[in-house]
Protein backbone atom coordinates (compact mmCIF):
# COMPACT_ATOMS: atom_id res chain seq x y z
CA UNK A 1 0.00 0.00 0.00
CA UNK A 2 2.94 2.33 0.60
CA UNK A 3 4.05 2.32 -3.03
CA UNK A 4 0.71 3.47 -4.53
CA UNK A 5 0.39 6.15 -1.86
CA UNK A 6 3.93 7.35 -2.53
CA UNK A 7 3.37 7.45 -6.30
CA UNK A 8 0.10 9.36 -5.98
CA UNK A 9 1.58 11.76 -3.42
CA UNK A 10 4.52 12.55 -5.67
CA UNK A 11 2.22 13.01 -8.67
CA UNK A 12 -0.04 15.40 -6.71
CA UNK A 13 2.96 17.36 -5.42
CA UNK A 14 4.36 17.68 -8.95
CA UNK A 15 1.00 18.86 -10.32
CA UNK A 16 0.59 21.35 -7.48
CA UNK A 17 4.13 22.68 -7.94
CA UNK A 18 3.64 23.11 -11.71
CA UNK A 19 0.30 24.93 -11.31
CA UNK A 20 1.56 27.10 -8.46
CA UNK A 21 4.71 28.08 -10.37
CA UNK A 22 2.68 28.89 -13.48
CA UNK A 23 0.20 31.14 -11.67
CA UNK A 24 2.91 32.81 -9.57
CA UNK A 25 4.90 33.74 -12.69
CA UNK A 26 1.71 34.93 -14.39
CA UNK A 27 0.89 37.24 -11.44
CA UNK A 28 4.48 38.49 -11.20
CA UNK A 29 4.48 39.49 -14.89
CA UNK A 30 1.16 41.27 -14.53
CA UNK A 31 2.40 43.23 -11.51
CA UNK A 32 -0.37 41.82 -9.33
CA UNK A 33 1.94 40.87 -6.45
CA UNK A 34 1.83 43.37 -3.58
CA UNK A 35 4.96 44.95 -2.21
CA UNK A 36 6.04 43.51 1.11
CA UNK A 37 6.25 46.04 3.96
CA UNK A 38 8.59 44.57 6.56
CA UNK A 39 8.37 47.52 8.96
CA UNK A 40 5.28 46.07 10.68
CA UNK A 41 6.68 42.58 11.32
CA UNK A 42 6.07 41.24 14.80
CA UNK A 43 7.60 38.20 16.45
CA UNK A 44 5.66 34.96 16.15
CA UNK A 45 3.44 34.30 19.15
CA UNK A 46 1.71 31.07 20.13
CA UNK A 47 -1.83 31.67 21.36
CA UNK A 48 -3.73 29.04 23.34
CA UNK A 49 -0.77 27.43 25.08
CA UNK A 50 -3.03 26.09 27.82
CA UNK A 51 -4.84 23.98 25.24
CA UNK A 52 -1.65 21.94 24.81
CA UNK A 53 -2.23 20.56 28.32
CA UNK A 54 -5.76 19.54 27.36
CA UNK A 55 -4.48 17.90 24.20
CA UNK A 56 -1.86 16.02 26.21
CA UNK A 57 -4.62 14.85 28.56
CA UNK A 58 -6.66 13.53 25.64
CA UNK A 59 -3.68 11.67 24.19
CA UNK A 60 -2.89 10.28 27.65
CA UNK A 61 -6.48 9.09 28.16
CA UNK A 62 -6.53 7.33 24.79
CA UNK A 63 -3.20 5.64 25.49
CA UNK A 64 -4.36 4.72 28.99
CA UNK A 65 -7.51 3.04 27.66
CA UNK A 66 -5.39 0.87 25.38
CA UNK A 67 -2.91 -0.17 28.08
CA UNK A 68 -4.91 -0.25 31.32
CA UNK A 69 -7.25 -3.27 31.51
CA UNK A 70 -8.82 -3.43 34.98
CA UNK A 71 -11.40 -6.04 33.96
CA UNK A 72 -14.34 -4.02 35.33
CA UNK A 73 -17.40 -4.02 33.06
CA UNK A 74 -20.64 -2.12 33.59
CA UNK A 75 -23.91 -3.14 31.96
CA UNK A 76 -25.67 -0.02 30.70
CA UNK A 77 -29.07 -0.83 29.20
CA UNK A 78 -27.82 -4.18 27.89
CA UNK A 79 -24.52 -2.86 26.53
CA UNK A 80 -21.30 -3.91 28.24
CA UNK A 81 -19.05 -0.89 28.83
CA UNK A 82 -15.53 -1.34 30.19
CA UNK A 83 -14.16 0.93 32.91
CA UNK A 84 -11.18 2.13 30.87
CA UNK A 85 -13.53 3.29 28.09
CA UNK A 86 -15.68 5.24 30.56
CA UNK A 87 -12.58 6.97 31.98
CA UNK A 88 -11.29 7.71 28.47
CA UNK A 89 -14.59 9.17 27.28
C-alpha atoms as a PDB file:
ATOM      1  CA  UNK A   1       0.000   0.000   0.000  1.00  0.00           C
ATOM      2  CA  UNK A   2       2.937   2.333   0.602  1.00  0.00           C
ATOM      3  CA  UNK A   3       4.052   2.316  -3.034  1.00  0.00           C
ATOM      4  CA  UNK A   4       0.707   3.469  -4.529  1.00  0.00           C
ATOM      5  CA  UNK A   5       0.386   6.154  -1.862  1.00  0.00           C
ATOM      6  CA  UNK A   6       3.933   7.348  -2.531  1.00  0.00           C
ATOM      7  CA  UNK A   7       3.373   7.446  -6.300  1.00  0.00           C
ATOM      8  CA  UNK A   8       0.103   9.359  -5.979  1.00  0.00           C
ATOM      9  CA  UNK A   9       1.582  11.760  -3.424  1.00  0.00           C
ATOM     10  CA  UNK A  10       4.521  12.554  -5.666  1.00  0.00           C
ATOM     11  CA  UNK A  11       2.217  13.013  -8.666  1.00  0.00           C
ATOM     12  CA  UNK A  12      -0.036  15.396  -6.711  1.00  0.00           C
ATOM     13  CA  UNK A  13       2.958  17.358  -5.424  1.00  0.00           C
ATOM     14  CA  UNK A  14       4.357  17.680  -8.949  1.00  0.00           C
ATOM     15  CA  UNK A  15       0.999  18.864 -10.325  1.00  0.00           C
ATOM     16  CA  UNK A  16       0.589  21.355  -7.482  1.00  0.00           C
ATOM     17  CA  UNK A  17       4.127  22.681  -7.942  1.00  0.00           C
ATOM     18  CA  UNK A  18       3.635  23.109 -11.705  1.00  0.00           C
ATOM     19  CA  UNK A  19       0.302  24.931 -11.308  1.00  0.00           C
ATOM     20  CA  UNK A  20       1.556  27.099  -8.461  1.00  0.00           C
ATOM     21  CA  UNK A  21       4.705  28.083 -10.375  1.00  0.00           C
ATOM     22  CA  UNK A  22       2.676  28.894 -13.476  1.00  0.00           C
ATOM     23  CA  UNK A  23       0.201  31.143 -11.672  1.00  0.00           C
ATOM     24  CA  UNK A  24       2.915  32.807  -9.574  1.00  0.00           C
ATOM     25  CA  UNK A  25       4.899  33.737 -12.691  1.00  0.00           C
ATOM     26  CA  UNK A  26       1.711  34.933 -14.385  1.00  0.00           C
ATOM     27  CA  UNK A  27       0.890  37.237 -11.442  1.00  0.00           C
ATOM     28  CA  UNK A  28       4.475  38.486 -11.205  1.00  0.00           C
ATOM     29  CA  UNK A  29       4.481  39.487 -14.887  1.00  0.00           C
ATOM     30  CA  UNK A  30       1.160  41.273 -14.526  1.00  0.00           C
ATOM     31  CA  UNK A  31       2.395  43.226 -11.506  1.00  0.00           C
ATOM     32  CA  UNK A  32      -0.366  41.815  -9.326  1.00  0.00           C
ATOM     33  CA  UNK A  33       1.941  40.868  -6.453  1.00  0.00           C
ATOM     34  CA  UNK A  34       1.830  43.369  -3.581  1.00  0.00           C
ATOM     35  CA  UNK A  35       4.965  44.950  -2.209  1.00  0.00           C
ATOM     36  CA  UNK A  36       6.038  43.509   1.110  1.00  0.00           C
ATOM     37  CA  UNK A  37       6.252  46.035   3.957  1.00  0.00           C
ATOM     38  CA  UNK A  38       8.586  44.567   6.563  1.00  0.00           C
ATOM     39  CA  UNK A  39       8.367  47.516   8.962  1.00  0.00           C
ATOM     40  CA  UNK A  40       5.281  46.067  10.680  1.00  0.00           C
ATOM     41  CA  UNK A  41       6.676  42.585  11.325  1.00  0.00           C
ATOM     42  CA  UNK A  42       6.072  41.240  14.800  1.00  0.00           C
ATOM     43  CA  UNK A  43       7.605  38.198  16.448  1.00  0.00           C
ATOM     44  CA  UNK A  44       5.656  34.957  16.149  1.00  0.00           C
ATOM     45  CA  UNK A  45       3.440  34.301  19.150  1.00  0.00           C
ATOM     46  CA  UNK A  46       1.710  31.071  20.127  1.00  0.00           C
ATOM     47  CA  UNK A  47      -1.828  31.669  21.363  1.00  0.00           C
ATOM     48  CA  UNK A  48      -3.732  29.043  23.341  1.00  0.00           C
ATOM     49  CA  UNK A  49      -0.769  27.426  25.079  1.00  0.00           C
ATOM     50  CA  UNK A  50      -3.026  26.094  27.820  1.00  0.00           C
ATOM     51  CA  UNK A  51      -4.837  23.984  25.238  1.00  0.00           C
ATOM     52  CA  UNK A  52      -1.654  21.945  24.807  1.00  0.00           C
ATOM     53  CA  UNK A  53      -2.234  20.557  28.318  1.00  0.00           C
ATOM     54  CA  UNK A  54      -5.763  19.539  27.359  1.00  0.00           C
ATOM     55  CA  UNK A  55      -4.479  17.900  24.195  1.00  0.00           C
ATOM     56  CA  UNK A  56      -1.856  16.017  26.210  1.00  0.00           C
ATOM     57  CA  UNK A  57      -4.622  14.852  28.560  1.00  0.00           C
ATOM     58  CA  UNK A  58      -6.664  13.529  25.642  1.00  0.00           C
ATOM     59  CA  UNK A  59      -3.681  11.667  24.190  1.00  0.00           C
ATOM     60  CA  UNK A  60      -2.891  10.284  27.648  1.00  0.00           C
ATOM     61  CA  UNK A  61      -6.478   9.090  28.158  1.00  0.00           C
ATOM     62  CA  UNK A  62      -6.533   7.326  24.787  1.00  0.00           C
ATOM     63  CA  UNK A  63      -3.199   5.637  25.487  1.00  0.00           C
ATOM     64  CA  UNK A  64      -4.359   4.720  28.988  1.00  0.00           C
ATOM     65  CA  UNK A  65      -7.511   3.043  27.657  1.00  0.00           C
ATOM     66  CA  UNK A  66      -5.385   0.866  25.375  1.00  0.00           C
ATOM     67  CA  UNK A  67      -2.909  -0.170  28.077  1.00  0.00           C
ATOM     68  CA  UNK A  68      -4.914  -0.247  31.323  1.00  0.00           C
ATOM     69  CA  UNK A  69      -7.247  -3.266  31.508  1.00  0.00           C
ATOM     70  CA  UNK A  70      -8.819  -3.430  34.985  1.00  0.00           C
ATOM     71  CA  UNK A  71     -11.404  -6.037  33.963  1.00  0.00           C
ATOM     72  CA  UNK A  72     -14.341  -4.025  35.333  1.00  0.00           C
ATOM     73  CA  UNK A  73     -17.397  -4.025  33.057  1.00  0.00           C
ATOM     74  CA  UNK A  74     -20.642  -2.118  33.588  1.00  0.00           C
ATOM     75  CA  UNK A  75     -23.909  -3.137  31.959  1.00  0.00           C
ATOM     76  CA  UNK A  76     -25.670  -0.018  30.703  1.00  0.00           C
ATOM     77  CA  UNK A  77     -29.068  -0.826  29.199  1.00  0.00           C
ATOM     78  CA  UNK A  78     -27.816  -4.176  27.890  1.00  0.00           C
ATOM     79  CA  UNK A  79     -24.523  -2.857  26.532  1.00  0.00           C
ATOM     80  CA  UNK A  80     -21.301  -3.915  28.243  1.00  0.00           C
ATOM     81  CA  UNK A  81     -19.054  -0.893  28.827  1.00  0.00           C
ATOM     82  CA  UNK A  82     -15.534  -1.344  30.189  1.00  0.00           C
ATOM     83  CA  UNK A  83     -14.158   0.930  32.914  1.00  0.00           C
ATOM     84  CA  UNK A  84     -11.181   2.132  30.867  1.00  0.00           C
ATOM     85  CA  UNK A  85     -13.530   3.288  28.093  1.00  0.00           C
ATOM     86  CA  UNK A  86     -15.678   5.242  30.557  1.00  0.00           C
ATOM     87  CA  UNK A  87     -12.582   6.969  31.984  1.00  0.00           C
ATOM     88  CA  UNK A  88     -11.295   7.706  28.470  1.00  0.00           C
ATOM     89  CA  UNK A  89     -14.595   9.166  27.285  1.00  0.00           C
END
